[in-house]
PDB file of all heavy atoms in Angstrom:
ATOM      1  N   LYS A   1       0.821  -1.213   0.000  1.00  0.00           N
ATOM      2  CA  LYS A   1       0.000   0.000   0.000  1.00  0.00           C
ATOM      3  C   LYS A   1       0.856   1.265   0.000  1.00  0.00           C
ATOM      4  O   LYS A   1       0.335   2.371   0.185  1.00  0.00           O
ATOM      5  CB  LYS A   1      -0.920   0.009   1.227  1.00  0.00           C
ATOM      6  CG  LYS A   1      -1.857  -1.188   1.319  1.00  0.00           C
ATOM      7  CD  LYS A   1      -2.817  -1.245   0.143  1.00  0.00           C
ATOM      8  CE  LYS A   1      -3.812  -2.393   0.318  1.00  0.00           C
ATOM      9  NZ  LYS A   1      -4.733  -2.519  -0.845  1.00  0.00           N
ATOM     10  N   VAL A   2       2.162   1.116  -0.208  1.00  0.00           N
ATOM     11  CA  VAL A   2       3.060   2.269  -0.237  1.00  0.00           C
ATOM     12  C   VAL A   2       2.685   3.178  -1.403  1.00  0.00           C
ATOM     13  O   VAL A   2       2.467   2.718  -2.530  1.00  0.00           O
ATOM     14  CB  VAL A   2       4.523   1.801  -0.360  1.00  0.00           C
ATOM     15  CG1 VAL A   2       5.463   2.984  -0.578  1.00  0.00           C
ATOM     16  CG2 VAL A   2       4.941   1.025   0.879  1.00  0.00           C
ATOM     17  N   HIS A   3       2.593   4.478  -1.127  1.00  0.00           N
ATOM     18  CA  HIS A   3       2.265   5.442  -2.177  1.00  0.00           C
ATOM     19  C   HIS A   3       3.421   5.599  -3.154  1.00  0.00           C
ATOM     20  O   HIS A   3       4.594   5.585  -2.758  1.00  0.00           O
ATOM     21  CB  HIS A   3       1.974   6.817  -1.576  1.00  0.00           C
ATOM     22  CG  HIS A   3       0.712   6.895  -0.781  1.00  0.00           C
ATOM     23  ND1 HIS A   3      -0.534   6.756  -1.352  1.00  0.00           N
ATOM     24  CD2 HIS A   3       0.506   7.117   0.544  1.00  0.00           C
ATOM     25  CE1 HIS A   3      -1.452   6.887  -0.401  1.00  0.00           C
ATOM     26  NE2 HIS A   3      -0.850   7.102   0.744  1.00  0.00           N
ATOM     27  N   VAL A   4       3.082   5.794  -4.432  1.00  0.00           N
ATOM     28  CA  VAL A   4       4.053   6.181  -5.452  1.00  0.00           C
ATOM     29  C   VAL A   4       3.769   7.628  -5.813  1.00  0.00           C
ATOM     30  O   VAL A   4       2.719   7.947  -6.395  1.00  0.00           O
ATOM     31  CB  VAL A   4       3.968   5.281  -6.702  1.00  0.00           C
ATOM     32  CG1 VAL A   4       4.966   5.753  -7.765  1.00  0.00           C
ATOM     33  CG2 VAL A   4       4.234   3.829  -6.328  1.00  0.00           C
ATOM     34  N   GLN A   5       4.683   8.497  -5.430  1.00  0.00           N
ATOM     35  CA  GLN A   5       4.520   9.939  -5.634  1.00  0.00           C
ATOM     36  C   GLN A   5       5.485  10.406  -6.708  1.00  0.00           C
ATOM     37  O   GLN A   5       6.611   9.917  -6.809  1.00  0.00           O
ATOM     38  CB  GLN A   5       4.810  10.670  -4.320  1.00  0.00           C
ATOM     39  CG  GLN A   5       4.584  12.176  -4.350  1.00  0.00           C
ATOM     40  CD  GLN A   5       4.920  12.807  -3.009  1.00  0.00           C
ATOM     41  OE1 GLN A   5       6.092  12.839  -2.617  1.00  0.00           O
ATOM     42  NE2 GLN A   5       3.907  13.286  -2.289  1.00  0.00           N
ATOM     43  N   VAL A   6       5.034  11.358  -7.543  1.00  0.00           N
ATOM     44  CA  VAL A   6       5.909  11.975  -8.539  1.00  0.00           C
ATOM     45  C   VAL A   6       5.923  13.477  -8.317  1.00  0.00           C
ATOM     46  O   VAL A   6       4.920  14.067  -7.915  1.00  0.00           O
ATOM     47  CB  VAL A   6       5.474  11.646  -9.981  1.00  0.00           C
ATOM     48  CG1 VAL A   6       5.697  10.175 -10.294  1.00  0.00           C
ATOM     49  CG2 VAL A   6       4.015  12.026 -10.228  1.00  0.00           C
ATOM     50  N   ASP A   7       7.087  14.094  -8.576  1.00  0.00           N
ATOM     51  CA  ASP A   7       7.267  15.508  -8.292  1.00  0.00           C
ATOM     52  C   ASP A   7       8.181  16.130  -9.333  1.00  0.00           C
ATOM     53  O   ASP A   7       9.333  15.718  -9.467  1.00  0.00           O
ATOM     54  CB  ASP A   7       7.890  15.667  -6.898  1.00  0.00           C
ATOM     55  CG  ASP A   7       8.096  17.127  -6.500  1.00  0.00           C
ATOM     56  OD1 ASP A   7       7.716  18.027  -7.263  1.00  0.00           O
ATOM     57  OD2 ASP A   7       8.634  17.346  -5.399  1.00  0.00           O
ATOM     58  N   GLY A   8       7.629  17.116 -10.053  1.00  0.00           N
ATOM     59  CA  GLY A   8       8.424  17.876 -11.009  1.00  0.00           C
ATOM     60  C   GLY A   8       7.775  17.910 -12.383  1.00  0.00           C
ATOM     61  O   GLY A   8       7.583  16.869 -13.008  1.00  0.00           O
ATOM     62  N   GLY A   9       7.385  19.102 -12.813  1.00  0.00           N
ATOM     63  CA  GLY A   9       6.816  19.252 -14.145  1.00  0.00           C
ATOM     64  C   GLY A   9       5.434  18.652 -14.298  1.00  0.00           C
ATOM     65  O   GLY A   9       5.024  18.300 -15.420  1.00  0.00           O
ATOM     66  N   ILE A  10       4.680  18.527 -13.202  1.00  0.00           N
ATOM     67  CA  ILE A  10       3.344  17.923 -13.273  1.00  0.00           C
ATOM     68  C   ILE A  10       2.314  19.008 -13.560  1.00  0.00           C
ATOM     69  O   ILE A  10       2.160  19.971 -12.811  1.00  0.00           O
ATOM     70  CB  ILE A  10       2.988  17.192 -11.967  1.00  0.00           C
ATOM     71  CG1 ILE A  10       4.028  16.105 -11.655  1.00  0.00           C
ATOM     72  CG2 ILE A  10       1.590  16.589 -12.065  1.00  0.00           C
ATOM     73  CD1 ILE A  10       4.112  15.010 -12.693  1.00  0.00           C
ATOM     74  N   ASN A  11       1.626  18.843 -14.685  1.00  0.00           N
ATOM     75  CA  ASN A  11       0.540  19.732 -15.089  1.00  0.00           C
ATOM     76  C   ASN A  11      -0.615  18.864 -15.569  1.00  0.00           C
ATOM     77  O   ASN A  11      -0.592  17.632 -15.388  1.00  0.00           O
ATOM     78  CB  ASN A  11       1.017  20.718 -16.166  1.00  0.00           C
ATOM     79  CG  ASN A  11       1.649  20.008 -17.367  1.00  0.00           C
ATOM     80  OD1 ASN A  11       1.196  18.932 -17.773  1.00  0.00           O
ATOM     81  ND2 ASN A  11       2.705  20.595 -17.919  1.00  0.00           N
ATOM     82  N   ALA A  12      -1.618  19.476 -16.178  1.00  0.00           N
ATOM     83  CA  ALA A  12      -2.800  18.702 -16.580  1.00  0.00           C
ATOM     84  C   ALA A  12      -2.439  17.572 -17.540  1.00  0.00           C
ATOM     85  O   ALA A  12      -3.017  16.478 -17.470  1.00  0.00           O
ATOM     86  CB  ALA A  12      -3.837  19.634 -17.219  1.00  0.00           C
ATOM     87  N   GLN A  13      -1.476  17.810 -18.439  1.00  0.00           N
ATOM     88  CA  GLN A  13      -1.107  16.802 -19.429  1.00  0.00           C
ATOM     89  C   GLN A  13      -0.219  15.720 -18.820  1.00  0.00           C
ATOM     90  O   GLN A  13      -0.483  14.521 -18.971  1.00  0.00           O
ATOM     91  CB  GLN A  13      -0.395  17.463 -20.624  1.00  0.00           C
ATOM     92  CG  GLN A  13      -1.284  18.344 -21.488  1.00  0.00           C
ATOM     93  CD  GLN A  13      -1.695  19.632 -20.781  1.00  0.00           C
ATOM     94  OE1 GLN A  13      -0.857  20.297 -20.148  1.00  0.00           O
ATOM     95  NE2 GLN A  13      -2.958  19.985 -20.893  1.00  0.00           N
ATOM     96  N   THR A  14       0.844  16.134 -18.129  1.00  0.00           N
ATOM     97  CA  THR A  14       1.753  15.131 -17.574  1.00  0.00           C
ATOM     98  C   THR A  14       1.115  14.376 -16.410  1.00  0.00           C
ATOM     99  O   THR A  14       1.496  13.239 -16.135  1.00  0.00           O
ATOM    100  CB  THR A  14       3.077  15.776 -17.127  1.00  0.00           C
ATOM    101  OG1 THR A  14       2.805  16.814 -16.172  1.00  0.00           O
ATOM    102  CG2 THR A  14       3.824  16.366 -18.311  1.00  0.00           C
ATOM    103  N   ALA A  15       0.149  14.986 -15.750  1.00  0.00           N
ATOM    104  CA  ALA A  15      -0.562  14.277 -14.679  1.00  0.00           C
ATOM    105  C   ALA A  15      -1.230  13.023 -15.228  1.00  0.00           C
ATOM    106  O   ALA A  15      -1.183  11.958 -14.598  1.00  0.00           O
ATOM    107  CB  ALA A  15      -1.591  15.192 -14.032  1.00  0.00           C
ATOM    108  N   ARG A  16      -1.853  13.132 -16.377  1.00  0.00           N
ATOM    109  CA  ARG A  16      -2.521  11.965 -16.973  1.00  0.00           C
ATOM    110  C   ARG A  16      -1.508  10.856 -17.240  1.00  0.00           C
ATOM    111  O   ARG A  16      -1.775   9.672 -16.997  1.00  0.00           O
ATOM    112  CB  ARG A  16      -3.221  12.363 -18.266  1.00  0.00           C
ATOM    113  CG  ARG A  16      -4.384  13.327 -18.094  1.00  0.00           C
ATOM    114  CD  ARG A  16      -5.115  13.512 -19.423  1.00  0.00           C
ATOM    115  NE  ARG A  16      -6.169  14.488 -19.320  1.00  0.00           N
ATOM    116  CZ  ARG A  16      -6.034  15.773 -19.577  1.00  0.00           C
ATOM    117  NH1 ARG A  16      -4.852  16.255 -19.941  1.00  0.00           N
ATOM    118  NH2 ARG A  16      -7.057  16.601 -19.465  1.00  0.00           N
ATOM    119  N   ARG A  17      -0.348  11.228 -17.773  1.00  0.00           N
ATOM    120  CA  ARG A  17       0.687  10.235 -18.075  1.00  0.00           C
ATOM    121  C   ARG A  17       1.188   9.585 -16.785  1.00  0.00           C
ATOM    122  O   ARG A  17       1.381   8.363 -16.730  1.00  0.00           O
ATOM    123  CB  ARG A  17       1.843  10.894 -18.828  1.00  0.00           C
ATOM    124  CG  ARG A  17       1.463  11.331 -20.234  1.00  0.00           C
ATOM    125  CD  ARG A  17       2.450  12.357 -20.793  1.00  0.00           C
ATOM    126  NE  ARG A  17       3.824  11.906 -20.719  1.00  0.00           N
ATOM    127  CZ  ARG A  17       4.877  12.719 -20.846  1.00  0.00           C
ATOM    128  NH1 ARG A  17       4.689  14.021 -21.030  1.00  0.00           N
ATOM    129  NH2 ARG A  17       6.094  12.235 -20.781  1.00  0.00           N
ATOM    130  N   ALA A  18       1.390  10.385 -15.755  1.00  0.00           N
ATOM    131  CA  ALA A  18       1.875   9.846 -14.478  1.00  0.00           C
ATOM    132  C   ALA A  18       0.870   8.884 -13.860  1.00  0.00           C
ATOM    133  O   ALA A  18       1.247   7.833 -13.326  1.00  0.00           O
ATOM    134  CB  ALA A  18       2.180  10.995 -13.526  1.00  0.00           C
ATOM    135  N   ILE A  19      -0.398   9.230 -13.940  1.00  0.00           N
ATOM    136  CA  ILE A  19      -1.448   8.362 -13.396  1.00  0.00           C
ATOM    137  C   ILE A  19      -1.467   7.031 -14.133  1.00  0.00           C
ATOM    138  O   ILE A  19      -1.566   5.960 -13.525  1.00  0.00           O
ATOM    139  CB  ILE A  19      -2.812   9.065 -13.470  1.00  0.00           C
ATOM    140  CG1 ILE A  19      -2.844  10.269 -12.509  1.00  0.00           C
ATOM    141  CG2 ILE A  19      -3.945   8.089 -13.152  1.00  0.00           C
ATOM    142  CD1 ILE A  19      -3.974  11.236 -12.786  1.00  0.00           C
ATOM    143  N   ARG A  20      -1.368   7.083 -15.469  1.00  0.00           N
ATOM    144  CA  ARG A  20      -1.360   5.856 -16.267  1.00  0.00           C
ATOM    145  C   ARG A  20      -0.160   4.973 -15.935  1.00  0.00           C
ATOM    146  O   ARG A  20      -0.229   3.755 -16.059  1.00  0.00           O
ATOM    147  CB  ARG A  20      -1.392   6.181 -17.757  1.00  0.00           C
ATOM    148  CG  ARG A  20      -2.725   6.727 -18.241  1.00  0.00           C
ATOM    149  CD  ARG A  20      -2.841   6.638 -19.754  1.00  0.00           C
ATOM    150  NE  ARG A  20      -1.833   7.441 -20.435  1.00  0.00           N
ATOM    151  CZ  ARG A  20      -2.010   8.702 -20.811  1.00  0.00           C
ATOM    152  NH1 ARG A  20      -3.159   9.324 -20.566  1.00  0.00           N
ATOM    153  NH2 ARG A  20      -1.051   9.352 -21.440  1.00  0.00           N
ATOM    154  N   LYS A  21       0.926   5.597 -15.495  1.00  0.00           N
ATOM    155  CA  LYS A  21       2.123   4.838 -15.144  1.00  0.00           C
ATOM    156  C   LYS A  21       2.078   4.295 -13.718  1.00  0.00           C
ATOM    157  O   LYS A  21       2.987   3.592 -13.302  1.00  0.00           O
ATOM    158  CB  LYS A  21       3.368   5.712 -15.322  1.00  0.00           C
ATOM    159  CG  LYS A  21       3.677   6.083 -16.761  1.00  0.00           C
ATOM    160  CD  LYS A  21       4.018   4.872 -17.606  1.00  0.00           C
ATOM    161  CE  LYS A  21       4.450   5.276 -19.009  1.00  0.00           C
ATOM    162  NZ  LYS A  21       4.781   4.092 -19.844  1.00  0.00           N
ATOM    163  N   GLY A  22       1.050   4.628 -12.969  1.00  0.00           N
ATOM    164  CA  GLY A  22       0.889   4.031 -11.652  1.00  0.00           C
ATOM    165  C   GLY A  22       1.085   4.964 -10.480  1.00  0.00           C
ATOM    166  O   GLY A  22       0.955   4.535  -9.327  1.00  0.00           O
ATOM    167  N   ALA A  23       1.412   6.237 -10.728  1.00  0.00           N
ATOM    168  CA  ALA A  23       1.544   7.183  -9.619  1.00  0.00           C
ATOM    169  C   ALA A  23       0.187   7.417  -8.976  1.00  0.00           C
ATOM    170  O   ALA A  23      -0.818   7.580  -9.671  1.00  0.00           O
ATOM    171  CB  ALA A  23       2.120   8.504 -10.114  1.00  0.00           C
ATOM    172  N   ASP A  24       0.154   7.457  -7.643  1.00  0.00           N
ATOM    173  CA  ASP A  24      -1.117   7.727  -6.966  1.00  0.00           C
ATOM    174  C   ASP A  24      -1.081   9.001  -6.129  1.00  0.00           C
ATOM    175  O   ASP A  24      -2.087   9.372  -5.531  1.00  0.00           O
ATOM    176  CB  ASP A  24      -1.570   6.532  -6.121  1.00  0.00           C
ATOM    177  CG  ASP A  24      -0.677   6.261  -4.926  1.00  0.00           C
ATOM    178  OD1 ASP A  24       0.533   6.562  -5.004  1.00  0.00           O
ATOM    179  OD2 ASP A  24      -1.171   5.747  -3.913  1.00  0.00           O
ATOM    180  N   VAL A  25       0.081   9.683  -6.085  1.00  0.00           N
ATOM    181  CA  VAL A  25       0.173  11.008  -5.476  1.00  0.00           C
ATOM    182  C   VAL A  25       0.962  11.907  -6.418  1.00  0.00           C
ATOM    183  O   VAL A  25       2.088  11.568  -6.794  1.00  0.00           O
ATOM    184  CB  VAL A  25       0.856  10.986  -4.095  1.00  0.00           C
ATOM    185  CG1 VAL A  25       0.845  12.391  -3.477  1.00  0.00           C
ATOM    186  CG2 VAL A  25       0.188   9.995  -3.155  1.00  0.00           C
ATOM    187  N   LEU A  26       0.370  13.024  -6.795  1.00  0.00           N
ATOM    188  CA  LEU A  26       1.004  13.978  -7.706  1.00  0.00           C
ATOM    189  C   LEU A  26       1.354  15.237  -6.932  1.00  0.00           C
ATOM    190  O   LEU A  26       0.476  15.856  -6.337  1.00  0.00           O
ATOM    191  CB  LEU A  26       0.056  14.355  -8.849  1.00  0.00           C
ATOM    192  CG  LEU A  26      -0.639  13.222  -9.601  1.00  0.00           C
ATOM    193  CD1 LEU A  26      -1.603  13.811 -10.624  1.00  0.00           C
ATOM    194  CD2 LEU A  26       0.379  12.317 -10.286  1.00  0.00           C
ATOM    195  N   VAL A  27       2.627  15.611  -6.941  1.00  0.00           N
ATOM    196  CA  VAL A  27       3.019  16.903  -6.388  1.00  0.00           C
ATOM    197  C   VAL A  27       2.878  17.935  -7.504  1.00  0.00           C
ATOM    198  O   VAL A  27       3.464  17.791  -8.573  1.00  0.00           O
ATOM    199  CB  VAL A  27       4.469  16.884  -5.862  1.00  0.00           C
ATOM    200  CG1 VAL A  27       4.871  18.266  -5.362  1.00  0.00           C
ATOM    201  CG2 VAL A  27       4.618  15.853  -4.759  1.00  0.00           C
ATOM    202  N   MET A  28       2.079  18.964  -7.245  1.00  0.00           N
ATOM    203  CA  MET A  28       1.850  20.006  -8.246  1.00  0.00           C
ATOM    204  C   MET A  28       2.217  21.365  -7.648  1.00  0.00           C
ATOM    205  O   MET A  28       1.724  21.729  -6.577  1.00  0.00           O
ATOM    206  CB  MET A  28       0.404  20.011  -8.727  1.00  0.00           C
ATOM    207  CG  MET A  28      -0.006  18.757  -9.449  1.00  0.00           C
ATOM    208  SD  MET A  28      -1.623  18.922 -10.256  1.00  0.00           S
ATOM    209  CE  MET A  28      -1.203  20.027 -11.614  1.00  0.00           C
ATOM    210  N   GLY A  29       3.073  22.091  -8.339  1.00  0.00           N
ATOM    211  CA  GLY A  29       3.504  23.397  -7.882  1.00  0.00           C
ATOM    212  C   GLY A  29       2.965  24.510  -8.747  1.00  0.00           C
ATOM    213  O   GLY A  29       1.812  24.920  -8.597  1.00  0.00           O
ATOM    214  N   SER A  30       3.792  24.985  -9.671  1.00  0.00           N
ATOM    215  CA  SER A  30       3.420  26.170 -10.453  1.00  0.00           C
ATOM    216  C   SER A  30       2.167  25.962 -11.287  1.00  0.00           C
ATOM    217  O   SER A  30       1.371  26.889 -11.452  1.00  0.00           O
ATOM    218  CB  SER A  30       4.588  26.594 -11.356  1.00  0.00           C
ATOM    219  OG  SER A  30       5.030  25.503 -12.141  1.00  0.00           O
ATOM    220  N   ALA A  31       1.949  24.745 -11.801  1.00  0.00           N
ATOM    221  CA  ALA A  31       0.749  24.515 -12.618  1.00  0.00           C
ATOM    222  C   ALA A  31      -0.517  24.677 -11.801  1.00  0.00           C
ATOM    223  O   ALA A  31      -1.532  25.181 -12.308  1.00  0.00           O
ATOM    224  CB  ALA A  31       0.794  23.129 -13.245  1.00  0.00           C
ATOM    225  N   LEU A  32      -0.474  24.278 -10.537  1.00  0.00           N
ATOM    226  CA  LEU A  32      -1.657  24.359  -9.686  1.00  0.00           C
ATOM    227  C   LEU A  32      -1.788  25.728  -9.038  1.00  0.00           C
ATOM    228  O   LEU A  32      -2.841  26.361  -9.100  1.00  0.00           O
ATOM    229  CB  LEU A  32      -1.602  23.266  -8.613  1.00  0.00           C
ATOM    230  CG  LEU A  32      -2.781  23.201  -7.650  1.00  0.00           C
ATOM    231  CD1 LEU A  32      -4.084  22.934  -8.393  1.00  0.00           C
ATOM    232  CD2 LEU A  32      -2.539  22.124  -6.585  1.00  0.00           C
ATOM    233  N   LEU A  33      -0.723  26.200  -8.415  1.00  0.00           N
ATOM    234  CA  LEU A  33      -0.805  27.488  -7.723  1.00  0.00           C
ATOM    235  C   LEU A  33      -0.933  28.646  -8.699  1.00  0.00           C
ATOM    236  O   LEU A  33      -1.482  29.685  -8.364  1.00  0.00           O
ATOM    237  CB  LEU A  33       0.400  27.690  -6.805  1.00  0.00           C
ATOM    238  CG  LEU A  33       0.242  27.016  -5.428  1.00  0.00           C
ATOM    239  CD1 LEU A  33       0.548  25.538  -5.493  1.00  0.00           C
ATOM    240  CD2 LEU A  33       1.085  27.684  -4.369  1.00  0.00           C
ATOM    241  N   GLY A  34      -0.443  28.449  -9.926  1.00  0.00           N
ATOM    242  CA  GLY A  34      -0.558  29.496 -10.934  1.00  0.00           C
ATOM    243  C   GLY A  34      -1.825  29.429 -11.757  1.00  0.00           C
ATOM    244  O   GLY A  34      -2.066  30.293 -12.606  1.00  0.00           O
ATOM    245  N   ALA A  35      -2.660  28.415 -11.503  1.00  0.00           N
ATOM    246  CA  ALA A  35      -3.893  28.262 -12.278  1.00  0.00           C
ATOM    247  C   ALA A  35      -4.910  29.323 -11.883  1.00  0.00           C
ATOM    248  O   ALA A  35      -5.050  29.653 -10.703  1.00  0.00           O
ATOM    249  CB  ALA A  35      -4.481  26.872 -12.061  1.00  0.00           C
ATOM    250  N   GLU A  36      -5.621  29.839 -12.876  1.00  0.00           N
ATOM    251  CA  GLU A  36      -6.686  30.807 -12.596  1.00  0.00           C
ATOM    252  C   GLU A  36      -7.787  30.170 -11.765  1.00  0.00           C
ATOM    253  O   GLU A  36      -8.376  30.814 -10.886  1.00  0.00           O
ATOM    254  CB  GLU A  36      -7.248  31.352 -13.908  1.00  0.00           C
ATOM    255  CG  GLU A  36      -8.288  32.424 -13.727  1.00  0.00           C
ATOM    256  CD  GLU A  36      -8.734  33.037 -15.038  1.00  0.00           C
ATOM    257  OE1 GLU A  36      -8.037  32.872 -16.054  1.00  0.00           O
ATOM    258  OE2 GLU A  36      -9.805  33.689 -15.050  1.00  0.00           O
ATOM    259  N   ASP A  37      -8.057  28.890 -12.042  1.00  0.00           N
ATOM    260  CA  ASP A  37      -9.081  28.154 -11.301  1.00  0.00           C
ATOM    261  C   ASP A  37      -8.495  26.820 -10.862  1.00  0.00           C
ATOM    262  O   ASP A  37      -8.671  25.801 -11.539  1.00  0.00           O
ATOM    263  CB  ASP A  37     -10.313  27.953 -12.190  1.00  0.00           C
ATOM    264  CG  ASP A  37     -11.498  27.356 -11.427  1.00  0.00           C
ATOM    265  OD1 ASP A  37     -11.294  26.849 -10.302  1.00  0.00           O
ATOM    266  OD2 ASP A  37     -12.621  27.394 -11.962  1.00  0.00           O
ATOM    267  N   PRO A  38      -7.769  26.784  -9.752  1.00  0.00           N
ATOM    268  CA  PRO A  38      -7.145  25.522  -9.335  1.00  0.00           C
ATOM    269  C   PRO A  38      -8.152  24.416  -9.036  1.00  0.00           C
ATOM    270  O   PRO A  38      -7.864  23.239  -9.249  1.00  0.00           O
ATOM    271  CB  PRO A  38      -6.344  25.918  -8.089  1.00  0.00           C
ATOM    272  CG  PRO A  38      -6.922  27.206  -7.626  1.00  0.00           C
ATOM    273  CD  PRO A  38      -7.430  27.899  -8.847  1.00  0.00           C
ATOM    274  N   ALA A  39      -9.340  24.763  -8.572  1.00  0.00           N
ATOM    275  CA  ALA A  39     -10.357  23.741  -8.305  1.00  0.00           C
ATOM    276  C   ALA A  39     -10.759  23.038  -9.598  1.00  0.00           C
ATOM    277  O   ALA A  39     -10.938  21.815  -9.624  1.00  0.00           O
ATOM    278  CB  ALA A  39     -11.573  24.367  -7.637  1.00  0.00           C
ATOM    279  N   ALA A  40     -10.882  23.795 -10.683  1.00  0.00           N
ATOM    280  CA  ALA A  40     -11.233  23.199 -11.970  1.00  0.00           C
ATOM    281  C   ALA A  40     -10.115  22.284 -12.462  1.00  0.00           C
ATOM    282  O   ALA A  40     -10.375  21.213 -13.034  1.00  0.00           O
ATOM    283  CB  ALA A  40     -11.510  24.299 -12.994  1.00  0.00           C
ATOM    284  N   LEU A  41      -8.863  22.686 -12.252  1.00  0.00           N
ATOM    285  CA  LEU A  41      -7.732  21.845 -12.652  1.00  0.00           C
ATOM    286  C   LEU A  41      -7.737  20.540 -11.866  1.00  0.00           C
ATOM    287  O   LEU A  41      -7.521  19.464 -12.432  1.00  0.00           O
ATOM    288  CB  LEU A  41      -6.427  22.609 -12.432  1.00  0.00           C
ATOM    289  CG  LEU A  41      -5.127  21.835 -12.715  1.00  0.00           C
ATOM    290  CD1 LEU A  41      -5.107  21.304 -14.143  1.00  0.00           C
ATOM    291  CD2 LEU A  41      -3.927  22.731 -12.446  1.00  0.00           C
ATOM    292  N   LEU A  42      -7.997  20.603 -10.575  1.00  0.00           N
ATOM    293  CA  LEU A  42      -8.055  19.381  -9.777  1.00  0.00           C
ATOM    294  C   LEU A  42      -9.203  18.476 -10.219  1.00  0.00           C
ATOM    295  O   LEU A  42      -9.055  17.255 -10.278  1.00  0.00           O
ATOM    296  CB  LEU A  42      -8.185  19.728  -8.297  1.00  0.00           C
ATOM    297  CG  LEU A  42      -6.941  20.349  -7.656  1.00  0.00           C
ATOM    298  CD1 LEU A  42      -7.243  20.794  -6.234  1.00  0.00           C
ATOM    299  CD2 LEU A  42      -5.775  19.385  -7.676  1.00  0.00           C
TER     300      LEU A  42
END
């Protein structure tokens, strides 16, 4: 049950790729905090 987390360059597009590869925790920085509507991005 250990989490697989990815960190770096995660945005709406790369998040999909990371999820497909098995990541279950996404660290999001500039793409999320810089989003006009972060709730919509999530």
